[in-house]
Amino acid sequence: MASYSEDQCSWRGSGLSQAVKNVEQVWLRCAEGSVEWLYPAGALRLTLSPRLPWSAMGPGESSRSPVSACIKPDQHWGGAQLYLERDGVLELLVGDETSSPAHVRCFSAMPGERPALFLQATPHQDISRRIAAFRYELRGDWTAQPSVNTDPISSEGACRPCNNTEILMAVCTSDFVVRGNIRSVETDSNLKAAVIKVSTTRVYRQKFALFPQSALLTRTGEIRTALQCGVRPGAGSFLFTGRVHFGEAWLGCAPRYKDFLKVYEQAKQSLMIPCTLVND
């Protein structure tokens, strides 16, 4: 039988209990969650209607700023097609047994909109091994094109160095703020992203255990960024900030630590600092 999670962030159900010609209505009430449809049959209409106002989805966003909705299909996706429903028109997000299911699909929504996803089962003689599952996130601090794209985060402006104001705000509002060094840089071919291997000397803030402590009392972790930014290993200490996207760290501002200290101290002296670091 179909069931919601207690907070109505997630839904899990089976096509075996659903009439083939029926469209089941599902309401998802959070900014992030998951959907798992076992043995798909018939169709689901999923309405993204979080309890929080759109303006609360990201720091510094106005009530009129668009929100980005992103979908990450499970790597074993199959048995259904997922569409974005907008103004009565269906736009394909994920096909049945797509060749690149791990790719994130994003689209934008304006405040007041209730984006709907249409999940339609595709005919198969054997549905016993087919599961259509995905995770979703709604955030107000990413930029998505008005239509569907396959980038996890829009790369427009991603490689531009942050100015002093952006650096200070990043320290206050980011999901993670760490000081560390670049150990190596690898490529994530699925996400078309560079993976920065970081060894940290100080973790100021982190959402989830992004930089766990190892047996040697050091903390290491991975931060992703757009591949075209051309990040390379180099000497020196950096202050890494950014966002968590489907459990992965994505780079925001990353000034050299000595440059950050200069900006931070100047703002502190002029009483223009938006927040302070713990034990700075």
C-alpha atoms as a PDB file:
ATOM      1  CA  MET A   1       0.000   0.000   0.000  1.00  0.00           C
ATOM      2  CA  ALA A   2       1.094   3.561  -0.649  1.00  0.00           C
ATOM      3  CA  SER A   3       2.371   5.576   2.300  1.00  0.00           C
ATOM      4  CA  TYR A   4       3.832   8.986   3.128  1.00  0.00           C
ATOM      5  CA  SER A   5       6.689   9.572   5.508  1.00  0.00           C
ATOM      6  CA  GLU A   6       5.552  11.105   8.805  1.00  0.00           C
ATOM      7  CA  ASP A   7       6.566  14.612   7.669  1.00  0.00           C
ATOM      8  CA  GLN A   8       5.040  14.124   4.187  1.00  0.00           C
ATOM      9  CA  CYS A   9       8.432  14.804   2.604  1.00  0.00           C
ATOM     10  CA  SER A  10       8.552  11.410   0.934  1.00  0.00           C
ATOM     11  CA  TRP A  11       6.177   8.887  -0.628  1.00  0.00           C
ATOM     12  CA  ARG A  12       6.459   5.158  -1.290  1.00  0.00           C
ATOM     13  CA  GLY A  13       3.927   3.044  -3.128  1.00  0.00           C
ATOM     14  CA  SER A  14       3.331   0.136  -5.456  1.00  0.00           C
ATOM     15  CA  GLY A  15       1.625  -0.122  -8.814  1.00  0.00           C
ATOM     16  CA  LEU A  16       0.269  -3.526  -7.796  1.00  0.00           C
ATOM     17  CA  SER A  17      -2.384  -1.807  -5.677  1.00  0.00           C
ATOM     18  CA  GLN A  18      -3.303   0.746  -8.337  1.00  0.00           C
ATOM     19  CA  ALA A  19      -5.743   0.504 -11.240  1.00  0.00           C
ATOM     20  CA  VAL A  20      -3.920   0.743 -14.581  1.00  0.00           C
ATOM     21  CA  LYS A  21      -5.994   3.682 -15.853  1.00  0.00           C
ATOM     22  CA  ASN A  22      -5.959   5.629 -12.591  1.00  0.00           C
ATOM     23  CA  VAL A  23      -3.862   8.724 -11.847  1.00  0.00           C
ATOM     24  CA  GLU A  24      -3.024   8.850  -8.154  1.00  0.00           C
ATOM     25  CA  GLN A  25      -2.550  12.311  -6.625  1.00  0.00           C
ATOM     26  CA  VAL A  26       0.483  12.754  -4.341  1.00  0.00           C
ATOM     27  CA  TRP A  27       1.319  15.953  -2.410  1.00  0.00           C
ATOM     28  CA  LEU A  28       4.880  16.479  -1.178  1.00  0.00           C
ATOM     29  CA  ARG A  29       5.118  19.062   1.599  1.00  0.00           C
ATOM     30  CA  CYS A  30       8.867  19.647   2.047  1.00  0.00           C
ATOM     31  CA  ALA A  31      11.805  21.305   0.349  1.00  0.00           C
ATOM     32  CA  GLU A  32      13.475  17.929  -0.092  1.00  0.00           C
ATOM     33  CA  GLY A  33      12.475  14.308  -0.023  1.00  0.00           C
ATOM     34  CA  SER A  34      12.102  11.183  -2.126  1.00  0.00           C
ATOM     35  CA  VAL A  35       9.627   9.132  -4.152  1.00  0.00           C
ATOM     36  CA  GLU A  36       9.808   5.373  -4.640  1.00  0.00           C
ATOM     37  CA  TRP A  37       7.300   3.659  -6.949  1.00  0.00           C
ATOM     38  CA  LEU A  38       7.576  -0.114  -6.994  1.00  0.00           C
ATOM     39  CA  TYR A  39       6.273  -2.104  -9.974  1.00  0.00           C
ATOM     40  CA  PRO A  40       4.945   1.011 -11.787  1.00  0.00           C
ATOM     41  CA  ALA A  41       1.420   0.792 -13.231  1.00  0.00           C
ATOM     42  CA  GLY A  42      -0.915   3.611 -14.178  1.00  0.00           C
ATOM     43  CA  ALA A  43       0.337   7.089 -13.316  1.00  0.00           C
ATOM     44  CA  LEU A  44       1.125   9.462 -10.454  1.00  0.00           C
ATOM     45  CA  ARG A  45       0.710  13.222 -10.345  1.00  0.00           C
ATOM     46  CA  LEU A  46       3.158  14.653  -7.799  1.00  0.00           C
ATOM     47  CA  THR A  47       2.585  18.215  -6.592  1.00  0.00           C
ATOM     48  CA  LEU A  48       5.525  19.966  -4.907  1.00  0.00           C
ATOM     49  CA  SER A  49       3.867  22.123  -2.274  1.00  0.00           C
ATOM     50  CA  PRO A  50       6.246  22.765   0.649  1.00  0.00           C
ATOM     51  CA  ARG A  51       4.888  24.223   3.872  1.00  0.00           C
ATOM     52  CA  LEU A  52       7.632  26.860   3.974  1.00  0.00           C
ATOM     53  CA  PRO A  53       7.192  29.953   1.783  1.00  0.00           C
ATOM     54  CA  TRP A  54       9.329  30.043  -1.363  1.00  0.00           C
ATOM     55  CA  SER A  55      11.396  32.909   0.105  1.00  0.00           C
ATOM     56  CA  ALA A  56      12.598  30.580   2.881  1.00  0.00           C
ATOM     57  CA  MET A  57      14.199  28.131   0.429  1.00  0.00           C
ATOM     58  CA  GLY A  58      17.482  30.005   0.319  1.00  0.00           C
ATOM     59  CA  PRO A  59      19.336  32.827   2.046  1.00  0.00           C
ATOM     60  CA  GLY A  60      18.926  36.336   0.750  1.00  0.00           C
ATOM     61  CA  GLU A  61      16.175  35.456  -1.679  1.00  0.00           C
ATOM     62  CA  SER A  62      13.236  37.788  -2.139  1.00  0.00           C
ATOM     63  CA  SER A  63       9.646  36.618  -2.261  1.00  0.00           C
ATOM     64  CA  ARG A  64       9.687  37.217  -6.018  1.00  0.00           C
ATOM     65  CA  SER A  65      12.836  35.251  -6.819  1.00  0.00           C
ATOM     66  CA  PRO A  66      12.468  31.957  -8.701  1.00  0.00           C
ATOM     67  CA  VAL A  67      13.155  28.690  -6.956  1.00  0.00           C
ATOM     68  CA  SER A  68      15.111  25.841  -8.495  1.00  0.00           C
ATOM     69  CA  ALA A  69      13.621  22.361  -8.320  1.00  0.00           C
ATOM     70  CA  CYS A  70      16.042  19.517  -8.978  1.00  0.00           C
ATOM     71  CA  ILE A  71      15.375  15.817  -9.501  1.00  0.00           C
ATOM     72  CA  LYS A  72      17.959  13.049  -9.097  1.00  0.00           C
ATOM     73  CA  PRO A  73      16.759   9.650 -10.397  1.00  0.00           C
ATOM     74  CA  ASP A  74      17.966   6.458  -8.770  1.00  0.00           C
ATOM     75  CA  GLN A  75      20.740   4.720 -10.704  1.00  0.00           C
ATOM     76  CA  HIS A  76      18.487   1.681 -11.215  1.00  0.00           C
ATOM     77  CA  TRP A  77      15.573   3.726 -12.563  1.00  0.00           C
ATOM     78  CA  GLY A  78      13.137   1.829 -14.766  1.00  0.00           C
ATOM     79  CA  GLY A  79       9.520   1.161 -15.635  1.00  0.00           C
ATOM     80  CA  ALA A  80       8.295   4.744 -15.932  1.00  0.00           C
ATOM     81  CA  GLN A  81       8.833   8.149 -17.493  1.00  0.00           C
ATOM     82  CA  LEU A  82       8.928  11.362 -15.465  1.00  0.00           C
ATOM     83  CA  TYR A  83       7.557  14.615 -16.914  1.00  0.00           C
ATOM     84  CA  LEU A  84       7.393  18.222 -15.761  1.00  0.00           C
ATOM     85  CA  GLU A  85       3.828  19.467 -16.066  1.00  0.00           C
ATOM     86  CA  ARG A  86       3.642  23.196 -16.800  1.00  0.00           C
ATOM     87  CA  ASP A  87       0.614  25.054 -18.165  1.00  0.00           C
ATOM     88  CA  GLY A  88      -0.916  21.815 -19.363  1.00  0.00           C
ATOM     89  CA  VAL A  89       2.193  20.811 -21.321  1.00  0.00           C
ATOM     90  CA  LEU A  90       4.335  17.797 -20.417  1.00  0.00           C
ATOM     91  CA  GLU A  91       8.107  18.056 -20.792  1.00  0.00           C
ATOM     92  CA  LEU A  92      10.183  14.896 -20.424  1.00  0.00           C
ATOM     93  CA  LEU A  93      12.619  14.877 -17.495  1.00  0.00           C
ATOM     94  CA  VAL A  94      13.585  11.198 -17.248  1.00  0.00           C
ATOM     95  CA  GLY A  95      12.875   8.485 -19.812  1.00  0.00           C
ATOM     96  CA  ASP A  96      12.345   4.806 -19.135  1.00  0.00           C
ATOM     97  CA  GLU A  97      15.684   3.045 -18.597  1.00  0.00           C
ATOM     98  CA  THR A  98      17.538   6.204 -19.552  1.00  0.00           C
ATOM     99  CA  SER A  99      21.228   5.792 -20.347  1.00  0.00           C
ATOM    100  CA  SER A 100      22.255   8.436 -17.803  1.00  0.00           C
ATOM    101  CA  PRO A 101      19.852   8.128 -14.848  1.00  0.00           C
ATOM    102  CA  ALA A 102      22.260   9.645 -12.329  1.00  0.00           C
ATOM    103  CA  HIS A 103      22.194  13.024 -14.066  1.00  0.00           C
ATOM    104  CA  VAL A 104      20.290  15.679 -12.143  1.00  0.00           C
ATOM    105  CA  ARG A 105      17.453  17.489 -13.911  1.00  0.00           C
ATOM    106  CA  CYS A 106      16.547  21.014 -12.786  1.00  0.00           C
ATOM    107  CA  PHE A 107      13.833  23.518 -13.624  1.00  0.00           C
ATOM    108  CA  SER A 108      12.684  26.833 -12.195  1.00  0.00           C
ATOM    109  CA  ALA A 109       9.445  27.759 -10.467  1.00  0.00           C
ATOM    110  CA  MET A 110       8.130  31.168  -9.514  1.00  0.00           C
ATOM    111  CA  PRO A 111       6.783  31.969  -6.023  1.00  0.00           C
ATOM    112  CA  GLY A 112       3.192  30.843  -5.697  1.00  0.00           C
ATOM    113  CA  GLU A 113       3.612  28.114  -8.295  1.00  0.00           C
ATOM    114  CA  ARG A 114       3.043  24.510  -7.322  1.00  0.00           C
ATOM    115  CA  PRO A 115       5.206  22.540  -9.749  1.00  0.00           C
ATOM    116  CA  ALA A 116       3.729  19.197 -10.704  1.00  0.00           C
ATOM    117  CA  LEU A 117       5.527  16.090 -11.888  1.00  0.00           C
ATOM    118  CA  PHE A 118       3.736  13.436 -13.910  1.00  0.00           C
ATOM    119  CA  LEU A 119       5.089   9.925 -13.442  1.00  0.00           C
ATOM    120  CA  GLN A 120       3.706   7.527 -16.052  1.00  0.00           C
ATOM    121  CA  ALA A 121       4.333   3.791 -16.126  1.00  0.00           C
ATOM    122  CA  THR A 122       5.532   2.311 -19.412  1.00  0.00           C
ATOM    123  CA  PRO A 123       4.143  -1.062 -20.564  1.00  0.00           C
ATOM    124  CA  HIS A 124       6.325  -4.072 -19.774  1.00  0.00           C
ATOM    125  CA  GLN A 125       5.479  -7.756 -19.670  1.00  0.00           C
ATOM    126  CA  ASP A 126       7.592  -8.203 -16.543  1.00  0.00           C
ATOM    127  CA  ILE A 127       7.314  -5.363 -13.996  1.00  0.00           C
ATOM    128  CA  SER A 128       8.713  -7.343 -11.062  1.00  0.00           C
ATOM    129  CA  ARG A 129      12.177  -5.803 -11.239  1.00  0.00           C
ATOM    130  CA  ARG A 130      11.207  -2.259 -12.146  1.00  0.00           C
ATOM    131  CA  ILE A 131      11.385   0.622  -9.678  1.00  0.00           C
ATOM    132  CA  ALA A 132      11.005   4.332 -10.457  1.00  0.00           C
ATOM    133  CA  ALA A 133      12.649   6.199  -7.596  1.00  0.00           C
ATOM    134  CA  PHE A 134      14.123   9.694  -7.282  1.00  0.00           C
ATOM    135  CA  ARG A 135      15.082  12.384  -4.803  1.00  0.00           C
ATOM    136  CA  TYR A 136      13.997  16.016  -5.111  1.00  0.00           C
ATOM    137  CA  GLU A 137      15.207  19.339  -3.731  1.00  0.00           C
ATOM    138  CA  LEU A 138      13.795  22.859  -3.852  1.00  0.00           C
ATOM    139  CA  ARG A 139      16.218  25.697  -3.199  1.00  0.00           C
ATOM    140  CA  GLY A 140      16.148  29.438  -3.706  1.00  0.00           C
ATOM    141  CA  ASP A 141      19.898  29.940  -4.008  1.00  0.00           C
ATOM    142  CA  TRP A 142      20.595  28.101  -7.262  1.00  0.00           C
ATOM    143  CA  THR A 143      19.840  29.240 -10.772  1.00  0.00           C
ATOM    144  CA  ALA A 144      18.035  26.979 -13.223  1.00  0.00           C
ATOM    145  CA  GLN A 145      16.914  27.767 -16.738  1.00  0.00           C
ATOM    146  CA  PRO A 146      13.154  28.262 -17.275  1.00  0.00           C
ATOM    147  CA  SER A 147      13.096  24.874 -18.995  1.00  0.00           C
ATOM    148  CA  VAL A 148      14.741  21.584 -18.148  1.00  0.00           C
ATOM    149  CA  ASN A 149      18.513  21.227 -18.089  1.00  0.00           C
ATOM    150  CA  THR A 150      20.807  18.390 -17.084  1.00  0.00           C
ATOM    151  CA  ASP A 151      23.275  20.332 -14.943  1.00  0.00           C
ATOM    152  CA  PRO A 152      23.115  19.740 -11.180  1.00  0.00           C
ATOM    153  CA  ILE A 153      23.745  23.423 -10.645  1.00  0.00           C
ATOM    154  CA  SER A 154      23.785  26.054 -13.343  1.00  0.00           C
ATOM    155  CA  SER A 155      27.393  26.716 -14.299  1.00  0.00           C
ATOM    156  CA  GLU A 156      26.692  30.287 -15.342  1.00  0.00           C
ATOM    157  CA  GLY A 157      28.982  32.476 -13.251  1.00  0.00           C
ATOM    158  CA  ALA A 158      30.230  29.454 -11.287  1.00  0.00           C
ATOM    159  CA  CYS A 159      33.873  30.159 -12.123  1.00  0.00           C
ATOM    160  CA  ARG A 160      33.786  33.883 -11.375  1.00  0.00           C
ATOM    161  CA  PRO A 161      35.762  34.859  -8.244  1.00  0.00           C
ATOM    162  CA  CYS A 162      33.549  36.129  -5.421  1.00  0.00           C
ATOM    163  CA  ASN A 163      33.774  39.780  -4.448  1.00  0.00           C
ATOM    164  CA  ASN A 164      34.313  40.851  -0.825  1.00  0.00           C
ATOM    165  CA  THR A 165      30.598  41.125  -0.026  1.00  0.00           C
ATOM    166  CA  GLU A 166      29.886  37.690  -1.481  1.00  0.00           C
ATOM    167  CA  ILE A 167      32.730  36.166   0.529  1.00  0.00           C
ATOM    168  CA  LEU A 168      31.412  37.579   3.812  1.00  0.00           C
ATOM    169  CA  MET A 169      27.847  36.476   3.059  1.00  0.00           C
ATOM    170  CA  ALA A 170      29.075  33.010   2.066  1.00  0.00           C
ATOM    171  CA  VAL A 171      30.656  32.600   5.504  1.00  0.00           C
ATOM    172  CA  CYS A 172      27.293  33.354   7.117  1.00  0.00           C
ATOM    173  CA  THR A 173      24.905  31.423   4.874  1.00  0.00           C
ATOM    174  CA  SER A 174      26.763  28.446   3.384  1.00  0.00           C
ATOM    175  CA  ASP A 175      26.025  24.835   4.278  1.00  0.00           C
ATOM    176  CA  PHE A 176      29.724  24.316   4.935  1.00  0.00           C
ATOM    177  CA  VAL A 177      32.635  26.595   5.837  1.00  0.00           C
ATOM    178  CA  VAL A 178      36.047  24.933   6.156  1.00  0.00           C
ATOM    179  CA  ARG A 179      39.682  25.919   5.979  1.00  0.00           C
ATOM    180  CA  GLY A 180      41.945  23.512   4.159  1.00  0.00           C
ATOM    181  CA  ASN A 181      44.248  22.553   1.330  1.00  0.00           C
ATOM    182  CA  ILE A 182      43.685  20.954  -2.063  1.00  0.00           C
ATOM    183  CA  ARG A 183      45.127  17.426  -2.091  1.00  0.00           C
ATOM    184  CA  SER A 184      44.084  16.491  -5.630  1.00  0.00           C
ATOM    185  CA  VAL A 185      41.446  17.137  -8.292  1.00  0.00           C
ATOM    186  CA  GLU A 186      39.584  14.358 -10.089  1.00  0.00           C
ATOM    187  CA  THR A 187      36.736  14.217 -12.620  1.00  0.00           C
ATOM    188  CA  ASP A 188      33.206  12.967 -11.981  1.00  0.00           C
ATOM    189  CA  SER A 189      32.156  11.902 -15.467  1.00  0.00           C
ATOM    190  CA  ASN A 190      28.536  11.260 -14.458  1.00  0.00           C
ATOM    191  CA  LEU A 191      28.010  14.780 -13.160  1.00  0.00           C
ATOM    192  CA  LYS A 192      30.522  16.405 -15.546  1.00  0.00           C
ATOM    193  CA  ALA A 193      32.144  17.988 -12.519  1.00  0.00           C
ATOM    194  CA  ALA A 194      35.560  18.405 -10.959  1.00  0.00           C
ATOM    195  CA  VAL A 195      35.956  16.702  -7.572  1.00  0.00           C
ATOM    196  CA  ILE A 196      38.298  18.593  -5.260  1.00  0.00           C
ATOM    197  CA  LYS A 197      39.868  16.359  -2.600  1.00  0.00           C
ATOM    198  CA  VAL A 198      40.315  18.552   0.460  1.00  0.00           C
ATOM    199  CA  SER A 199      42.322  18.089   3.635  1.00  0.00           C
ATOM    200  CA  THR A 200      40.891  20.440   6.276  1.00  0.00           C
ATOM    201  CA  THR A 201      42.669  22.193   9.100  1.00  0.00           C
ATOM    202  CA  ARG A 202      39.476  23.711  10.544  1.00  0.00           C
ATOM    203  CA  VAL A 203      35.775  22.959  10.111  1.00  0.00           C
ATOM    204  CA  TYR A 204      33.723  26.015  11.079  1.00  0.00           C
ATOM    205  CA  ARG A 205      30.399  24.638   9.934  1.00  0.00           C
ATOM    206  CA  GLN A 206      29.103  21.651   7.983  1.00  0.00           C
ATOM    207  CA  LYS A 207      25.682  20.275   7.133  1.00  0.00           C
ATOM    208  CA  PHE A 208      25.856  16.509   7.578  1.00  0.00           C
ATOM    209  CA  ALA A 209      29.208  14.756   7.960  1.00  0.00           C
ATOM    210  CA  LEU A 210      30.821  16.116   4.818  1.00  0.00           C
ATOM    211  CA  PHE A 211      34.301  16.209   6.346  1.00  0.00           C
ATOM    212  CA  PRO A 212      34.524  13.263   8.775  1.00  0.00           C
ATOM    213  CA  GLN A 213      37.459  12.830  11.115  1.00  0.00           C
ATOM    214  CA  SER A 214      39.847  10.012  10.251  1.00  0.00           C
ATOM    215  CA  ALA A 215      41.965   7.848  12.511  1.00  0.00           C
ATOM    216  CA  LEU A 216      44.850  10.286  12.118  1.00  0.00           C
ATOM    217  CA  LEU A 217      42.761  13.115  13.653  1.00  0.00           C
ATOM    218  CA  THR A 218      42.577  14.854  10.306  1.00  0.00           C
ATOM    219  CA  ARG A 219      39.447  15.639   8.336  1.00  0.00           C
ATOM    220  CA  THR A 220      39.124  15.067   4.627  1.00  0.00           C
ATOM    221  CA  GLY A 221      36.286  15.485   2.175  1.00  0.00           C
ATOM    222  CA  GLU A 222      35.237  16.151  -1.388  1.00  0.00           C
ATOM    223  CA  ILE A 223      33.877  19.335  -2.949  1.00  0.00           C
ATOM    224  CA  ARG A 224      32.458  19.441  -6.482  1.00  0.00           C
ATOM    225  CA  THR A 225      32.470  22.328  -8.913  1.00  0.00           C
ATOM    226  CA  ALA A 226      31.885  22.937 -12.612  1.00  0.00           C
ATOM    227  CA  LEU A 227      34.397  21.084 -14.775  1.00  0.00           C
ATOM    228  CA  GLN A 228      35.024  24.114 -16.994  1.00  0.00           C
ATOM    229  CA  CYS A 229      36.361  26.092 -14.024  1.00  0.00           C
ATOM    230  CA  GLY A 230      39.662  24.263 -14.485  1.00  0.00           C
ATOM    231  CA  VAL A 231      40.483  23.773 -10.805  1.00  0.00           C
ATOM    232  CA  ARG A 232      43.986  22.379 -10.288  1.00  0.00           C
ATOM    233  CA  PRO A 233      45.932  21.266  -7.219  1.00  0.00           C
ATOM    234  CA  GLY A 234      48.079  23.989  -5.718  1.00  0.00           C
ATOM    235  CA  ALA A 235      49.848  25.064  -2.574  1.00  0.00           C
ATOM    236  CA  GLY A 236      48.259  27.311   0.009  1.00  0.00           C
ATOM    237  CA  SER A 237      45.372  27.384   2.437  1.00  0.00           C
ATOM    238  CA  PHE A 238      41.824  28.215   1.271  1.00  0.00           C
ATOM    239  CA  LEU A 239      38.501  28.974   2.931  1.00  0.00           C
ATOM    240  CA  PHE A 240      35.996  26.695   1.175  1.00  0.00           C
ATOM    241  CA  THR A 241      32.295  27.536   1.323  1.00  0.00           C
ATOM    242  CA  GLY A 242      29.311  26.189  -0.556  1.00  0.00           C
ATOM    243  CA  ARG A 243      26.055  24.250  -0.646  1.00  0.00           C
ATOM    244  CA  VAL A 244      24.996  20.658  -0.065  1.00  0.00           C
ATOM    245  CA  HIS A 245      23.226  19.245  -3.113  1.00  0.00           C
ATOM    246  CA  PHE A 246      21.763  15.718  -2.789  1.00  0.00           C
ATOM    247  CA  GLY A 247      24.233  14.966  -0.009  1.00  0.00           C
ATOM    248  CA  GLU A 248      27.271  16.278  -1.920  1.00  0.00           C
ATOM    249  CA  ALA A 249      29.257  19.456  -1.278  1.00  0.00           C
ATOM    250  CA  TRP A 250      29.297  21.986  -4.139  1.00  0.00           C
ATOM    251  CA  LEU A 251      31.734  24.877  -4.156  1.00  0.00           C
ATOM    252  CA  GLY A 252      30.634  28.460  -3.635  1.00  0.00           C
ATOM    253  CA  CYS A 253      33.272  31.027  -2.703  1.00  0.00           C
ATOM    254  CA  ALA A 254      36.821  29.775  -2.062  1.00  0.00           C
ATOM    255  CA  PRO A 255      39.256  32.634  -1.416  1.00  0.00           C
ATOM    256  CA  ARG A 256      42.774  32.028  -0.219  1.00  0.00           C
ATOM    257  CA  TYR A 257      42.646  32.083   3.548  1.00  0.00           C
ATOM    258  CA  LYS A 258      45.040  35.021   3.858  1.00  0.00           C
ATOM    259  CA  ASP A 259      42.855  37.064   1.476  1.00  0.00           C
ATOM    260  CA  PHE A 260      39.737  36.145   3.429  1.00  0.00           C
ATOM    261  CA  LEU A 261      41.363  37.237   6.714  1.00  0.00           C
ATOM    262  CA  LYS A 262      42.172  40.625   5.222  1.00  0.00           C
ATOM    263  CA  VAL A 263      38.584  41.151   4.033  1.00  0.00           C
ATOM    264  CA  TYR A 264      37.181  39.813   7.319  1.00  0.00           C
ATOM    265  CA  GLU A 265      39.303  42.070   9.536  1.00  0.00           C
ATOM    266  CA  GLN A 266      38.526  45.161   7.451  1.00  0.00           C
ATOM    267  CA  ALA A 267      34.793  44.481   7.679  1.00  0.00           C
ATOM    268  CA  LYS A 268      35.080  43.820  11.410  1.00  0.00           C
ATOM    269  CA  GLN A 269      36.863  47.082  12.066  1.00  0.00           C
ATOM    270  CA  SER A 270      34.331  49.068  10.067  1.00  0.00           C
ATOM    271  CA  LEU A 271      31.414  47.254  11.801  1.00  0.00           C
ATOM    272  CA  MET A 272      30.205  46.000   8.417  1.00  0.00           C
ATOM    273  CA  ILE A 273      30.550  42.304   9.168  1.00  0.00           C
ATOM    274  CA  PRO A 274      27.309  40.279   8.742  1.00  0.00           C
ATOM    275  CA  CYS A 275      28.386  37.511  11.147  1.00  0.00           C
ATOM    276  CA  THR A 276      31.434  36.183  12.957  1.00  0.00           C
ATOM    277  CA  LEU A 277      33.207  32.857  12.803  1.00  0.00           C
ATOM    278  CA  VAL A 278      33.267  30.813  15.996  1.00  0.00           C
ATOM    279  CA  ASN A 279      36.600  31.345  17.787  1.00  0.00           C
ATOM    280  CA  ASP A 280      37.840  33.496  14.914  1.00  0.00           C
END
